[in-house]
Amino acid sequence: MIIVHPNKAGANDPLMRTNGARAFSQAVRSIIVLGRDPNDPENTSHRFPPHAKGSVGAKHETVEYRLEPTLIPAADGDPEVTTARLVEIGASNLTSRDMFTHADPDERTQTDDAVDFLHEILAAGRLPADDAQQLAKQRGIGDKPLRLARARLGTTRRGGGTYREASPS
């Protein structure tokens, strides 16, 4: 078992959010994401473990749990310990992608801003990559969010370093 913290990439694909090398998500047979309900950020006691990847069988159903404080009594000279346990509530239709979807439209990432920027500057067509990067810097958009936005949109860099919108499938 490997436990990793999601990175801040901004993608809603849990396989892209594996912190560290992308190879971690490719090497394992199963990925289960544990997170809060993105549609109810005020409810801090509920958790959902949707199955993000399963290469040796069907993905399991997502179940909602509630975090509940519990006391482990003192025993054999060890002090009592207050901790938490998960109590099953029932089935949920949340998916692993839902765990990384921003419920609050005002909560935007730098990559979200870069996506909007690329849509804007490429609306008229192709643009030299150097020009696009210069404009991005002027707007305070860094190289990494710009690169992630290009990947999210499928924006390609062709013919002498020119950005263009991805061709429709």
Foldseek 3Di string as FASTA:
>chain_A
DDDADFDPLLALQRLNRGPDDSVVSVPDQWDWDKADQLQCVVQPFKIKTFTRHHNPDDGDFIWIWGWDWDWAPDDPNRHIDIDIDTDTDGTDPDHSSSRSDHNDPVDDDLLNVLLVLCCVVCVVHKDAQVVSQVVCVVVVRDPSSNVSSCVVQVWDQDDNRITHGDDDD
